Amino acid sequence: MKKGDVFYVHNLGQTLAYKVDQIKVIKPTQVDQLKIVKGKDLCTWIPYNPKAEAKAKERSRNRLIWIIIAILLPVLAIIIFIWHKKRKKKAKADKEKEQE
């Protein structure tokens, strides 16, 4: 991974996109580098590399990018479904009126 790359996290029916904004090599004792940053939705990704030295691990910090399509698409599908159902119900009622 390099700065600017995007990766996706799929969790509980949501897809979140994170863009790499920082890459550091840290020591296992540098836990302060993993702290929560208030007001920011960050994801820390620590890759596993069995060949890497145990003294330092690459860490990338990533900012959340909301995927508009992942949010809007289900909402749009529900609206279309409700509209179609109402239209079908009205057509059926109109047809019954014509038959009377």
Protein backbone atom coordinates (compact mmCIF):
# COMPACT_ATOMS: atom_id res chain seq x y z
CA MET A 1 0.00 0.00 0.00
CA LYS A 2 1.07 3.53 -0.68
CA LYS A 3 -0.23 6.97 0.25
CA GLY A 4 -3.43 7.73 -1.67
CA ASP A 5 -4.48 4.07 -2.08
CA VAL A 6 -8.06 3.16 -1.14
CA PHE A 7 -9.18 -0.03 0.59
CA TYR A 8 -12.63 -1.21 1.64
CA VAL A 9 -13.99 -2.60 4.90
CA HIS A 10 -17.20 -4.65 4.68
CA ASN A 11 -18.99 -4.87 8.03
CA LEU A 12 -22.61 -5.46 9.03
CA GLY A 13 -24.00 -4.69 5.59
CA GLN A 14 -21.98 -1.49 5.20
CA THR A 15 -19.06 -0.88 2.89
CA LEU A 16 -16.65 1.78 4.08
CA ALA A 17 -13.78 3.12 1.97
CA TYR A 18 -10.60 4.37 3.59
CA LYS A 19 -7.88 6.37 1.83
CA VAL A 20 -4.29 5.98 3.05
CA ASP A 21 -3.10 9.36 4.32
CA GLN A 22 -0.05 8.26 6.31
CA ILE A 23 2.38 5.34 6.39
CA LYS A 24 4.85 4.84 9.24
CA VAL A 25 7.12 2.10 10.46
CA ILE A 26 6.64 1.75 14.20
CA LYS A 27 8.05 -0.36 17.01
CA PRO A 28 5.77 -2.71 18.97
CA THR A 29 6.15 -0.43 22.00
CA GLN A 30 4.83 2.65 20.17
CA VAL A 31 1.20 2.08 21.10
CA ASP A 32 0.60 5.84 21.23
CA GLN A 33 0.66 5.72 17.40
CA LEU A 34 -2.52 3.62 17.53
CA LYS A 35 -4.58 5.98 19.67
CA ILE A 36 -8.08 7.16 18.75
CA VAL A 37 -8.14 10.64 17.24
CA LYS A 38 -11.18 12.55 18.48
CA GLY A 39 -13.49 13.75 15.71
CA LYS A 40 -11.87 11.59 13.00
CA ASP A 41 -12.99 8.22 11.69
CA LEU A 42 -9.65 6.49 11.14
CA CYS A 43 -8.72 2.91 10.45
CA THR A 44 -5.26 1.60 11.27
CA TRP A 45 -4.13 -1.25 9.10
CA ILE A 46 -1.16 -3.32 10.23
CA PRO A 47 -0.09 -5.78 7.54
CA TYR A 48 1.26 -9.18 8.50
CA ASN A 49 4.65 -9.96 7.05
CA PRO A 50 6.35 -13.01 8.52
CA LYS A 51 9.67 -11.97 6.94
CA ALA A 52 9.62 -8.50 8.53
CA GLU A 53 11.62 -7.77 11.63
CA ALA A 54 9.68 -8.12 14.84
CA LYS A 55 11.09 -4.76 15.96
CA ALA A 56 9.18 -2.64 13.45
CA LYS A 57 5.86 -2.99 11.68
CA GLU A 58 4.49 -0.89 8.89
CA ARG A 59 1.36 0.94 9.87
CA SER A 60 -0.87 2.93 7.59
CA ARG A 61 -3.47 5.38 8.83
CA ASN A 62 -6.47 5.85 6.63
CA ARG A 63 -9.23 8.43 6.50
CA LEU A 64 -12.79 7.35 5.87
CA ILE A 65 -14.28 8.14 2.49
CA TRP A 66 -18.03 7.66 2.49
CA ILE A 67 -19.25 5.72 -0.50
CA ILE A 68 -22.34 7.61 -1.58
CA ILE A 69 -23.55 4.78 -3.80
CA ALA A 70 -23.51 2.33 -0.89
CA ILE A 71 -25.78 4.66 1.06
CA LEU A 72 -28.03 5.97 -1.71
CA LEU A 73 -28.57 2.77 -3.67
CA PRO A 74 -30.55 0.91 -0.97
CA VAL A 75 -32.62 4.04 -0.26
CA LEU A 76 -33.37 4.47 -3.96
CA ALA A 77 -34.33 0.79 -4.27
CA ILE A 78 -36.80 1.12 -1.37
CA ILE A 79 -38.36 4.25 -2.90
CA ILE A 80 -38.77 2.55 -6.28
CA PHE A 81 -40.24 -0.56 -4.64
CA ILE A 82 -42.82 1.48 -2.69
CA TRP A 83 -43.69 3.57 -5.76
CA HIS A 84 -44.14 0.42 -7.89
CA LYS A 85 -46.29 -1.26 -5.26
CA LYS A 86 -48.57 1.81 -4.95
CA ARG A 87 -48.83 2.11 -8.74
CA LYS A 88 -49.76 -1.56 -9.05
CA LYS A 89 -52.37 -1.24 -6.28
CA LYS A 90 -53.91 1.85 -7.97
CA ALA A 91 -54.03 0.08 -11.35
CA LYS A 92 -55.81 -2.87 -9.76
CA ALA A 93 -58.36 -0.57 -8.08
CA ASP A 94 -58.95 1.29 -11.37
CA LYS A 95 -59.48 -2.00 -13.19
CA GLU A 96 -62.02 -3.15 -10.57
CA LYS A 97 -63.91 0.15 -10.94
CA GLU A 98 -64.09 -0.28 -14.71
CA GLN A 99 -65.51 -3.79 -14.32
CA GLU A 100 -68.37 -2.55 -12.11
